[in-house]
Protein backbone atom coordinates (compact mmCIF):
# COMPACT_ATOMS: atom_id res chain seq x y z
CA MET A 1 -50.47 54.25 -91.31
CA HIS A 2 -49.81 50.82 -92.86
CA VAL A 3 -47.04 52.20 -95.05
CA SER A 4 -45.40 54.04 -92.17
CA ARG A 5 -45.57 50.96 -89.92
CA THR A 6 -43.99 48.86 -92.68
CA LEU A 7 -41.31 51.50 -93.13
CA VAL A 8 -40.60 51.52 -89.39
CA LYS A 9 -40.32 47.72 -89.37
CA MET A 10 -37.92 47.84 -92.32
CA MET A 11 -35.81 50.46 -90.53
CA VAL A 12 -35.68 48.24 -87.43
CA VAL A 13 -34.53 45.29 -89.55
CA VAL A 14 -31.84 47.41 -91.22
CA ALA A 15 -30.68 48.69 -87.84
CA ALA A 16 -30.60 45.15 -86.47
CA LEU A 17 -28.55 43.95 -89.40
CA ALA A 18 -26.17 46.87 -89.00
CA ALA A 19 -25.77 46.00 -85.33
CA SER A 20 -25.42 42.27 -85.94
CA ALA A 21 -21.77 42.17 -84.91
CA THR A 22 -20.84 41.38 -81.34
CA VAL A 23 -21.90 44.12 -78.97
CA GLN A 24 -19.85 44.24 -75.80
CA SER A 25 -19.43 46.93 -73.22
CA ALA A 26 -15.97 48.01 -72.12
CA ALA A 27 -16.50 46.21 -68.81
CA PRO A 28 -18.88 43.32 -68.20
CA ARG A 29 -22.09 44.23 -66.46
CA VAL A 30 -24.11 42.05 -64.16
CA ALA A 31 -27.27 40.85 -65.89
CA PRO A 32 -30.42 42.09 -64.16
CA GLU A 33 -32.53 39.48 -62.42
CA LEU A 34 -35.40 37.96 -64.39
CA THR A 35 -38.53 39.98 -63.72
CA HIS A 36 -41.32 37.40 -63.73
CA LEU A 37 -41.69 34.93 -60.87
CA SER A 38 -45.29 33.79 -61.36
CA GLN A 39 -45.87 30.36 -62.89
CA ASP A 40 -48.44 32.05 -65.19
CA ASP A 41 -45.54 33.90 -66.82
CA TRP A 42 -43.54 30.76 -67.66
CA VAL A 43 -43.93 28.01 -70.24
CA ASN A 44 -41.97 24.73 -70.18
CA SER A 45 -40.46 25.51 -66.78
CA ALA A 46 -41.11 26.58 -63.25
CA PRO A 47 -40.08 30.23 -62.79
CA LEU A 48 -36.32 30.66 -63.09
CA THR A 49 -33.99 33.23 -61.59
CA LEU A 50 -30.49 34.13 -62.67
CA ALA A 51 -29.43 33.78 -59.04
CA LYS A 52 -30.43 30.10 -59.13
CA LEU A 53 -28.69 29.70 -62.51
CA ARG A 54 -25.33 31.02 -61.16
CA GLY A 55 -22.64 28.58 -62.13
CA HIS A 56 -24.26 28.00 -65.53
CA ALA A 57 -23.74 29.85 -68.77
CA VAL A 58 -27.13 31.29 -69.75
CA LEU A 59 -28.38 32.18 -73.21
CA VAL A 60 -31.18 34.74 -73.05
CA GLU A 61 -33.16 35.16 -76.26
CA PHE A 62 -35.61 38.01 -76.86
CA TRP A 63 -38.21 37.07 -79.45
CA THR A 64 -41.87 37.27 -80.38
CA PHE A 65 -43.85 34.64 -82.23
CA ASP A 66 -44.89 36.66 -85.30
CA CYS A 67 -41.44 38.14 -85.95
CA ILE A 68 -40.04 36.60 -89.14
CA ASN A 69 -36.46 37.23 -88.02
CA CYS A 70 -37.18 35.42 -84.76
CA LEU A 71 -38.76 32.51 -86.59
CA ASN A 72 -35.77 32.37 -88.94
CA SER A 73 -33.51 31.93 -85.88
CA LEU A 74 -35.63 29.16 -84.36
CA ALA A 75 -33.70 26.28 -85.98
CA TRP A 76 -30.48 27.59 -84.44
CA MET A 77 -32.10 28.09 -81.02
CA LYS A 78 -33.42 24.53 -81.02
CA SER A 79 -30.04 23.25 -82.20
CA ILE A 80 -27.97 25.06 -79.57
CA ALA A 81 -30.44 24.12 -76.82
CA GLN A 82 -30.22 20.45 -77.78
CA ARG A 83 -26.45 20.36 -78.39
CA LYS A 84 -25.34 22.32 -75.32
CA ALA A 85 -27.88 21.43 -72.62
CA HIS A 86 -25.75 18.47 -71.48
CA ASP A 87 -22.76 20.84 -71.20
CA GLY A 88 -24.67 23.07 -68.79
CA LEU A 89 -26.02 25.81 -71.07
CA ALA A 90 -29.26 27.18 -69.63
CA ILE A 91 -31.74 28.75 -72.05
CA VAL A 92 -34.14 31.52 -71.06
CA SER A 93 -36.29 32.52 -73.99
CA VAL A 94 -38.01 35.83 -73.29
CA HIS A 95 -41.18 36.37 -75.29
CA THR A 96 -41.71 40.13 -75.46
CA PRO A 97 -44.68 40.98 -77.70
CA GLU A 98 -44.67 43.45 -80.53
CA LEU A 99 -48.28 43.10 -81.70
CA SER A 100 -51.48 43.07 -79.63
CA HIS A 101 -52.32 39.40 -80.29
CA GLU A 102 -48.82 38.44 -79.10
CA ARG A 103 -49.71 39.84 -75.65
CA VAL A 104 -52.34 37.13 -75.07
CA PRO A 105 -50.72 34.33 -73.01
CA GLU A 106 -52.81 31.58 -74.60
CA ASN A 107 -51.71 32.72 -78.08
CA VAL A 108 -48.09 32.55 -76.95
CA ARG A 109 -48.58 29.09 -75.43
CA ASN A 110 -50.23 27.87 -78.64
CA ALA A 111 -47.38 29.27 -80.75
CA ILE A 112 -44.77 27.64 -78.50
CA ARG A 113 -46.54 24.30 -78.86
CA LYS A 114 -46.92 24.63 -82.65
CA LEU A 115 -43.30 25.71 -83.05
CA GLY A 116 -42.08 22.77 -80.97
CA ILE A 117 -40.20 24.91 -78.44
CA ASP A 118 -39.36 22.83 -75.38
CA TYR A 119 -36.92 25.09 -73.51
CA PRO A 120 -38.04 27.60 -70.83
CA VAL A 121 -39.96 30.66 -72.03
CA MET A 122 -40.68 33.67 -69.83
CA LEU A 123 -43.63 35.85 -70.90
CA ASP A 124 -42.52 39.47 -70.68
CA ARG A 125 -45.82 41.15 -71.61
CA ASP A 126 -45.00 44.29 -69.64
CA PHE A 127 -41.50 44.69 -71.19
CA SER A 128 -39.96 44.70 -67.70
CA TYR A 129 -37.07 42.41 -68.59
CA TRP A 130 -36.69 43.98 -72.04
CA ASN A 131 -36.26 47.34 -70.29
CA ALA A 132 -34.03 45.95 -67.53
CA MET A 133 -31.65 44.62 -70.20
CA SER A 134 -31.99 47.85 -72.26
CA ASN A 135 -32.85 45.62 -75.19
CA GLN A 136 -33.97 47.18 -78.48
CA TYR A 137 -34.29 44.34 -80.99
CA TRP A 138 -36.05 41.14 -81.94
CA PRO A 139 -34.31 38.77 -81.98
CA ALA A 140 -31.50 39.47 -79.59
CA PHE A 141 -29.27 36.89 -77.91
CA TYR A 142 -27.42 37.64 -74.67
CA LEU A 143 -24.73 35.32 -73.34
CA ILE A 144 -24.46 35.52 -69.57
CA ASP A 145 -21.44 33.89 -67.95
CA LYS A 146 -21.37 31.67 -64.86
CA ASN A 147 -20.88 34.73 -62.61
CA GLY A 148 -24.00 36.41 -63.98
CA GLU A 149 -22.23 38.96 -66.19
CA VAL A 150 -23.38 39.76 -69.70
CA ARG A 151 -20.54 38.45 -71.83
CA SER A 152 -21.83 39.03 -75.34
CA LEU A 153 -24.80 40.14 -77.42
CA ARG A 154 -25.87 39.18 -80.92
CA VAL A 155 -28.67 41.06 -82.64
CA GLY A 156 -30.55 39.77 -85.65
CA GLU A 157 -31.00 36.35 -87.14
CA LEU A 158 -28.65 33.51 -86.28
CA HIS A 159 -28.43 30.49 -88.59
CA VAL A 160 -26.82 27.10 -88.15
CA GLY A 161 -23.40 27.08 -89.79
CA GLU A 162 -23.09 30.79 -90.57
CA ARG A 163 -19.79 32.47 -89.73
CA ARG A 164 -21.09 34.95 -87.15
CA THR A 165 -23.21 32.22 -85.56
CA LEU A 166 -20.18 29.94 -85.34
CA GLU A 167 -18.23 32.78 -83.71
CA PHE A 168 -20.99 33.16 -81.13
CA GLU A 169 -21.02 29.41 -80.54
CA ARG A 170 -17.27 29.55 -79.84
CA GLU A 171 -17.98 32.23 -77.22
CA ILE A 172 -20.68 30.02 -75.72
CA GLU A 173 -18.29 27.05 -75.65
CA LYS A 174 -15.54 29.14 -74.02
CA THR A 175 -18.00 30.36 -71.39
CA LEU A 176 -19.17 26.81 -70.70
CA GLN A 177 -15.58 25.67 -70.12
CA GLU A 178 -14.71 28.46 -67.67
CA ARG A 179 -14.48 27.65 -63.99
CA PHE A 180 -17.04 29.11 -61.66
């Protein structure tokens, strides 16, 4: 069982790397509304809704605290949150657990504190937002424009200064500059 689980994880990583280019549909689709409205399901923020974030570009990140690929993207997430918050970029980090101990809210809160994450985190223990977005990977980064449409998707690790990350940042910047 351990070998097969490791093999499955490796296959997921390979698939994520293969899909790491921009994923865009032929026509933009409206992002589904965030699925958790209880304060118990939010860290670092009161519950947010995409309806209330209309007029802002929104970066939605799917992650889980024991995912090495997610942790490897943390420096970029902190960087983009800090650099673009004053320009109006809203961050919604969606913690969707993979392992049983990642389903425990107190474990997630402790990890967020230890990792120094200060942007809003929605706890998606029931995978409702994961499923609403038809997400399949950790980490995944969705750029939602000011009208609430999914503009772009990046799958896999993002690192400060890397070419594909810089391309995504240009998309974020373009989205921030668009009129609402």
